Amino acid sequence: MKPEQLVRVLERDVIEGNIELYRNLLNTTNEAQDPVWKGILPMYIEFSKEEKDVFLKFLRIVEINTLSHVLGILDGSTYVDEIDDDLLLTTENSNVKINEDLQDLFLELIEGK
């Protein structure tokens, strides 16, 4: 697997897939047990269509920032306490390191949309 392919898969499944999941859950759930969902659901139901769109765009930004941060940690470009070693991400069928530019590739993909 090439880094570009991994980034495309992550963007599709993690970012776009989760936003679609949240959109569906928020639009079809009438009652929740989870305290966070109990708090947000009544607000979301009362939102106008435009407010719902803005809320989901905000969630997308949060997901993009989170995934970008994780990719930066994997690349070694984002410092994290207690991770002193360089991380090495390979696939089962190849020993080629694929985590050197994942964060940059991901952000380029996002900016291109």
Protein backbone atom coordinates (compact mmCIF):
# COMPACT_ATOMS: atom_id res chain seq x y z
CA MET A 1 0.00 0.00 0.00
CA LYS A 2 1.29 3.42 -0.92
CA PRO A 3 0.96 6.38 1.45
CA GLU A 4 -1.35 8.19 -0.98
CA GLN A 5 -3.70 5.21 -1.05
CA LEU A 6 -3.78 4.97 2.75
CA VAL A 7 -4.59 8.66 3.04
CA ARG A 8 -7.42 8.39 0.50
CA VAL A 9 -8.90 5.38 2.33
CA LEU A 10 -8.67 7.16 5.69
CA GLU A 11 -10.30 10.30 4.30
CA ARG A 12 -13.12 8.28 2.75
CA ASP A 13 -13.81 5.91 5.62
CA VAL A 14 -12.90 7.96 8.68
CA ILE A 15 -13.86 11.49 7.68
CA GLU A 16 -16.61 11.15 5.09
CA GLY A 17 -17.90 7.83 6.47
CA ASN A 18 -18.21 9.14 10.01
CA ILE A 19 -19.88 12.38 8.94
CA GLU A 20 -22.46 10.40 6.99
CA LEU A 21 -22.98 8.12 10.00
CA TYR A 22 -23.47 11.10 12.33
CA ARG A 23 -25.81 12.77 9.83
CA ASN A 24 -27.94 9.63 9.61
CA LEU A 25 -27.98 9.08 13.36
CA LEU A 26 -28.84 12.69 14.14
CA ASN A 27 -31.59 12.78 11.52
CA THR A 28 -33.20 9.48 12.50
CA THR A 29 -32.73 9.21 16.28
CA ASN A 30 -35.57 10.47 18.44
CA GLU A 31 -34.40 9.26 21.81
CA ALA A 32 -30.96 8.51 23.24
CA GLN A 33 -29.50 6.88 26.33
CA ASP A 34 -25.96 8.21 26.10
CA PRO A 35 -25.61 11.47 28.07
CA VAL A 36 -23.80 13.27 25.26
CA TRP A 37 -26.40 12.23 22.70
CA LYS A 38 -29.16 13.17 25.16
CA GLY A 39 -27.64 16.63 25.30
CA ILE A 40 -27.06 17.25 21.61
CA LEU A 41 -30.11 15.55 20.11
CA PRO A 42 -32.75 18.06 21.29
CA MET A 43 -30.56 20.94 20.09
CA TYR A 44 -29.92 19.31 16.71
CA ILE A 45 -33.63 18.60 16.21
CA GLU A 46 -34.37 22.30 16.77
CA PHE A 47 -31.65 23.48 14.39
CA SER A 48 -32.69 24.87 11.03
CA LYS A 49 -31.41 23.08 7.93
CA GLU A 50 -28.62 25.66 7.64
CA GLU A 51 -27.65 25.22 11.30
CA LYS A 52 -27.58 21.43 10.86
CA ASP A 53 -25.28 21.85 7.86
CA VAL A 54 -22.97 24.16 9.84
CA PHE A 55 -22.92 21.74 12.79
CA LEU A 56 -21.95 18.83 10.53
CA LYS A 57 -19.27 20.96 8.86
CA PHE A 58 -17.89 21.71 12.32
CA LEU A 59 -17.82 17.97 13.13
CA ARG A 60 -15.96 17.41 9.87
CA ILE A 61 -13.35 19.99 10.85
CA VAL A 62 -12.90 18.32 14.23
CA GLU A 63 -12.44 14.93 12.55
CA ILE A 64 -9.97 16.34 10.02
CA ASN A 65 -7.92 17.99 12.75
CA THR A 66 -7.94 14.83 14.86
CA LEU A 67 -6.87 12.55 12.02
CA SER A 68 -4.24 15.06 10.91
CA HIS A 69 -2.82 15.13 14.43
CA VAL A 70 -2.66 11.32 14.59
CA LEU A 71 -0.96 11.17 11.20
CA GLY A 72 1.54 13.78 12.40
CA ILE A 73 2.32 11.56 15.38
CA LEU A 74 2.81 8.56 13.10
CA ASP A 75 5.05 10.61 10.80
CA GLY A 76 7.09 11.93 13.69
CA SER A 77 6.35 15.55 12.79
CA THR A 78 4.10 16.06 15.83
CA TYR A 79 5.77 15.75 19.21
CA VAL A 80 4.04 13.69 21.89
CA ASP A 81 5.30 13.08 25.40
CA GLU A 82 6.35 9.49 26.01
CA ILE A 83 6.93 8.66 22.33
CA ASP A 84 10.68 8.90 22.00
CA ASP A 85 11.19 6.35 19.25
CA ASP A 86 10.50 6.85 15.57
CA LEU A 87 7.38 4.95 14.57
CA LEU A 88 7.55 2.61 11.61
CA LEU A 89 4.37 1.88 9.68
CA THR A 90 4.58 -0.86 7.07
CA THR A 91 2.19 -3.34 5.53
CA GLU A 92 2.17 -7.07 5.97
CA ASN A 93 3.54 -7.65 2.47
CA SER A 94 6.19 -4.93 2.40
CA ASN A 95 8.83 -3.54 4.70
CA VAL A 96 8.71 -0.16 2.99
CA LYS A 97 8.03 2.63 5.49
CA ILE A 98 4.86 4.49 4.56
CA ASN A 99 4.65 6.98 7.42
CA GLU A 100 6.86 9.90 6.55
CA ASP A 101 4.51 12.30 4.78
CA LEU A 102 1.05 11.01 5.72
CA GLN A 103 -0.03 14.24 7.40
CA ASP A 104 1.08 16.39 4.46
CA LEU A 105 -0.55 14.06 1.94
CA PHE A 106 -3.76 14.05 3.96
CA LEU A 107 -3.88 17.83 4.24
CA GLU A 108 -3.18 18.19 0.51
CA LEU A 109 -6.08 15.84 -0.21
CA ILE A 110 -8.40 17.80 2.09
CA GLU A 111 -7.35 21.15 0.64
CA GLY A 112 -8.01 19.82 -2.86
CA LYS A 113 -11.66 19.20 -2.05
